[in-house]
Amino acid sequence: MKEYKISLAAINDVKEFVNKVMKYDFDVDLISGRYAIDGKSIMGIFSLDLSKPIELKVHTDDTAEFEKDIEKFIVK
């Protein structure tokens, strides 16, 4: 499992993020406070507080290609 902090500031960011993570067959979870939702669910993502960075948990060890895909959302 690998963890990142990501930022989804706009509606288009959420749509683009979901389209990118849907390509992968492993689970992707987003955690904000005490809420954890499926990172492939647009409705779930909109239920989170998107005004601050969100914790992203990726359930795989091979994240090189995935990391390149979501690079623009990762908070450095």
N, C-alpha and C. Protein backbone atom coordinates (compact mmCIF):
# COMPACT_ATOMS: atom_id res chain seq x y z
N MET A 1 0.85 -1.19 0.00
CA MET A 1 0.00 0.00 0.00
C MET A 1 0.89 1.24 0.00
N LYS A 2 0.46 2.23 -0.75
CA LYS A 2 1.20 3.50 -0.83
C LYS A 2 0.24 4.63 -0.51
N GLU A 3 0.74 5.68 0.11
CA GLU A 3 -0.11 6.81 0.50
C GLU A 3 0.41 8.11 -0.09
N TYR A 4 -0.53 8.98 -0.46
CA TYR A 4 -0.22 10.30 -1.00
C TYR A 4 -1.18 11.31 -0.39
N LYS A 5 -0.82 12.58 -0.47
CA LYS A 5 -1.75 13.67 -0.19
C LYS A 5 -2.09 14.27 -1.54
N ILE A 6 -3.37 14.43 -1.83
CA ILE A 6 -3.77 14.99 -3.12
C ILE A 6 -4.71 16.17 -2.90
N SER A 7 -4.83 16.98 -3.93
CA SER A 7 -5.74 18.12 -3.90
C SER A 7 -6.62 18.05 -5.14
N LEU A 8 -7.94 18.12 -4.92
CA LEU A 8 -8.92 18.14 -6.01
C LEU A 8 -9.72 19.43 -5.85
N ALA A 9 -9.21 20.50 -6.42
CA ALA A 9 -9.74 21.84 -6.16
C ALA A 9 -10.98 22.18 -6.98
N ALA A 10 -11.15 21.58 -8.15
CA ALA A 10 -12.26 21.96 -9.03
C ALA A 10 -13.04 20.72 -9.46
N ILE A 11 -14.24 20.94 -9.95
CA ILE A 11 -15.09 19.85 -10.42
C ILE A 11 -14.37 19.07 -11.52
N ASN A 12 -13.72 19.78 -12.43
CA ASN A 12 -12.99 19.10 -13.51
C ASN A 12 -11.84 18.26 -12.99
N ASP A 13 -11.21 18.69 -11.89
CA ASP A 13 -10.15 17.88 -11.28
C ASP A 13 -10.71 16.55 -10.81
N VAL A 14 -11.88 16.58 -10.19
CA VAL A 14 -12.50 15.35 -9.69
C VAL A 14 -12.81 14.42 -10.86
N LYS A 15 -13.39 14.95 -11.92
CA LYS A 15 -13.73 14.12 -13.09
C LYS A 15 -12.47 13.51 -13.71
N GLU A 16 -11.44 14.32 -13.86
CA GLU A 16 -10.20 13.84 -14.46
C GLU A 16 -9.54 12.78 -13.57
N PHE A 17 -9.54 13.02 -12.25
CA PHE A 17 -8.96 12.07 -11.31
C PHE A 17 -9.68 10.72 -11.39
N VAL A 18 -11.01 10.74 -11.36
CA VAL A 18 -11.78 9.49 -11.41
C VAL A 18 -11.53 8.76 -12.73
N ASN A 19 -11.49 9.48 -13.84
CA ASN A 19 -11.21 8.84 -15.14
C ASN A 19 -9.85 8.17 -15.14
N LYS A 20 -8.87 8.78 -14.50
CA LYS A 20 -7.52 8.19 -14.45
C LYS A 20 -7.47 6.95 -13.56
N VAL A 21 -8.08 7.02 -12.37
CA VAL A 21 -7.98 5.87 -11.45
C VAL A 21 -8.87 4.70 -11.88
N MET A 22 -9.89 4.95 -12.69
CA MET A 22 -10.76 3.86 -13.17
C MET A 22 -9.99 2.88 -14.06
N LYS A 23 -8.89 3.30 -14.65
CA LYS A 23 -8.10 2.43 -15.53
C LYS A 23 -7.41 1.30 -14.77
N TYR A 24 -7.27 1.44 -13.47
CA TYR A 24 -6.50 0.49 -12.67
C TYR A 24 -7.43 -0.48 -11.94
N ASP A 25 -6.97 -1.73 -11.81
CA ASP A 25 -7.82 -2.74 -11.19
C ASP A 25 -7.63 -2.88 -9.68
N PHE A 26 -6.76 -2.09 -9.09
CA PHE A 26 -6.59 -2.13 -7.63
C PHE A 26 -7.47 -1.08 -6.96
N ASP A 27 -7.67 -1.24 -5.65
CA ASP A 27 -8.52 -0.31 -4.90
C ASP A 27 -7.77 0.99 -4.60
N VAL A 28 -8.54 2.07 -4.62
CA VAL A 28 -8.03 3.41 -4.31
C VAL A 28 -9.00 4.02 -3.32
N ASP A 29 -8.52 4.38 -2.14
CA ASP A 29 -9.36 4.97 -1.10
C ASP A 29 -8.96 6.42 -0.86
N LEU A 30 -9.94 7.26 -0.60
CA LEU A 30 -9.70 8.64 -0.21
C LEU A 30 -10.18 8.81 1.21
N ILE A 31 -9.35 9.44 2.05
CA ILE A 31 -9.68 9.62 3.46
C ILE A 31 -9.62 11.10 3.80
N SER A 32 -10.70 11.58 4.37
CA SER A 32 -10.78 12.97 4.83
C SER A 32 -11.40 12.94 6.22
N GLY A 33 -10.59 13.25 7.22
CA GLY A 33 -11.08 13.17 8.60
C GLY A 33 -11.40 11.72 8.94
N ARG A 34 -12.62 11.46 9.35
CA ARG A 34 -13.00 10.09 9.70
C ARG A 34 -13.73 9.37 8.57
N TYR A 35 -13.84 10.02 7.42
CA TYR A 35 -14.53 9.43 6.28
C TYR A 35 -13.55 8.80 5.30
N ALA A 36 -13.86 7.58 4.86
CA ALA A 36 -13.06 6.90 3.84
C ALA A 36 -14.03 6.48 2.74
N ILE A 37 -13.71 6.85 1.51
CA ILE A 37 -14.59 6.52 0.40
C ILE A 37 -13.78 5.91 -0.75
N ASP A 38 -14.47 5.28 -1.66
CA ASP A 38 -13.87 4.69 -2.85
C ASP A 38 -13.41 5.81 -3.78
N GLY A 39 -12.13 5.82 -4.13
CA GLY A 39 -11.58 6.86 -4.98
C GLY A 39 -12.07 6.81 -6.41
N LYS A 40 -12.85 5.79 -6.76
CA LYS A 40 -13.41 5.66 -8.11
C LYS A 40 -14.85 6.14 -8.16
N SER A 41 -15.34 6.69 -7.06
CA SER A 41 -16.73 7.14 -6.97
C SER A 41 -16.81 8.67 -6.99
N ILE A 42 -17.33 9.20 -8.08
CA ILE A 42 -17.46 10.67 -8.19
C ILE A 42 -18.36 11.19 -7.07
N MET A 43 -19.49 10.55 -6.85
CA MET A 43 -20.41 11.01 -5.80
C MET A 43 -19.75 10.94 -4.43
N GLY A 44 -19.00 9.89 -4.18
CA GLY A 44 -18.30 9.76 -2.91
C GLY A 44 -17.30 10.88 -2.70
N ILE A 45 -16.55 11.21 -3.74
CA ILE A 45 -15.55 12.27 -3.64
C ILE A 45 -16.21 13.61 -3.33
N PHE A 46 -17.35 13.88 -3.96
CA PHE A 46 -18.04 15.15 -3.70
C PHE A 46 -18.63 15.22 -2.29
N SER A 47 -18.69 14.09 -1.58
CA SER A 47 -19.18 14.12 -0.20
C SER A 47 -18.08 14.51 0.78
N LEU A 48 -16.83 14.59 0.29
CA LEU A 48 -15.70 14.95 1.15
C LEU A 48 -15.47 16.47 1.14
N ASP A 49 -14.72 16.92 2.12
CA ASP A 49 -14.31 18.33 2.18
C ASP A 49 -13.13 18.51 1.24
N LEU A 50 -13.38 19.10 0.07
CA LEU A 50 -12.34 19.25 -0.94
C LEU A 50 -11.55 20.56 -0.81
N SER A 51 -11.82 21.31 0.25
CA SER A 51 -11.12 22.59 0.44
C SER A 51 -9.70 22.41 0.97
N LYS A 52 -9.37 21.20 1.40
CA LYS A 52 -8.02 20.93 1.89
C LYS A 52 -7.54 19.60 1.31
N PRO A 53 -6.23 19.33 1.38
CA PRO A 53 -5.71 18.07 0.81
C PRO A 53 -6.36 16.83 1.43
N ILE A 54 -6.47 15.80 0.62
CA ILE A 54 -7.10 14.54 1.01
C ILE A 54 -6.04 13.46 0.99
N GLU A 55 -6.15 12.51 1.91
CA GLU A 55 -5.22 11.39 1.95
C GLU A 55 -5.69 10.34 0.94
N LEU A 56 -4.76 9.85 0.12
CA LEU A 56 -5.05 8.83 -0.89
C LEU A 56 -4.29 7.57 -0.54
N LYS A 57 -4.99 6.44 -0.44
CA LYS A 57 -4.35 5.15 -0.19
C LYS A 57 -4.55 4.27 -1.41
N VAL A 58 -3.44 3.79 -1.94
CA VAL A 58 -3.46 2.95 -3.13
C VAL A 58 -3.09 1.53 -2.70
N HIS A 59 -3.96 0.57 -2.99
CA HIS A 59 -3.76 -0.80 -2.53
C HIS A 59 -3.01 -1.65 -3.55
N THR A 60 -1.77 -1.26 -3.80
CA THR A 60 -0.85 -2.01 -4.64
C THR A 60 0.56 -1.52 -4.35
N ASP A 61 1.55 -2.32 -4.70
CA ASP A 61 2.94 -1.91 -4.50
C ASP A 61 3.54 -1.34 -5.78
N ASP A 62 2.95 -1.66 -6.92
CA ASP A 62 3.46 -1.21 -8.21
C ASP A 62 2.73 0.08 -8.61
N THR A 63 3.25 1.22 -8.15
CA THR A 63 2.54 2.49 -8.35
C THR A 63 3.22 3.44 -9.32
N ALA A 64 4.27 3.01 -10.00
CA ALA A 64 5.03 3.93 -10.87
C ALA A 64 4.16 4.58 -11.94
N GLU A 65 3.43 3.78 -12.71
CA GLU A 65 2.58 4.33 -13.77
C GLU A 65 1.42 5.13 -13.19
N PHE A 66 0.83 4.61 -12.12
CA PHE A 66 -0.28 5.30 -11.44
C PHE A 66 0.17 6.67 -10.95
N GLU A 67 1.36 6.72 -10.35
CA GLU A 67 1.88 7.97 -9.81
C GLU A 67 2.08 9.02 -10.92
N LYS A 68 2.53 8.58 -12.09
CA LYS A 68 2.68 9.49 -13.23
C LYS A 68 1.33 10.04 -13.67
N ASP A 69 0.29 9.15 -13.67
CA ASP A 69 -1.04 9.55 -14.09
C ASP A 69 -1.66 10.63 -13.18
N ILE A 70 -1.41 10.50 -11.88
CA ILE A 70 -2.05 11.44 -10.93
C ILE A 70 -1.10 12.53 -10.44
N GLU A 71 0.04 12.64 -11.06
CA GLU A 71 1.09 13.58 -10.61
C GLU A 71 0.58 15.00 -10.37
N LYS A 72 -0.28 15.50 -11.24
CA LYS A 72 -0.76 16.88 -11.10
C LYS A 72 -1.62 17.10 -9.86
N PHE A 73 -2.15 16.03 -9.27
CA PHE A 73 -2.99 16.15 -8.09
C PHE A 73 -2.22 15.98 -6.78
N ILE A 74 -1.01 15.44 -6.84
CA ILE A 74 -0.23 15.17 -5.63
C ILE A 74 0.28 16.47 -5.04
N VAL A 75 0.08 16.63 -3.73
CA VAL A 75 0.55 17.81 -3.01
C VAL A 75 1.99 17.56 -2.62
N LYS A 76 2.87 18.42 -3.06
CA LYS A 76 4.30 18.24 -2.78
C LYS A 76 4.66 18.84 -1.43
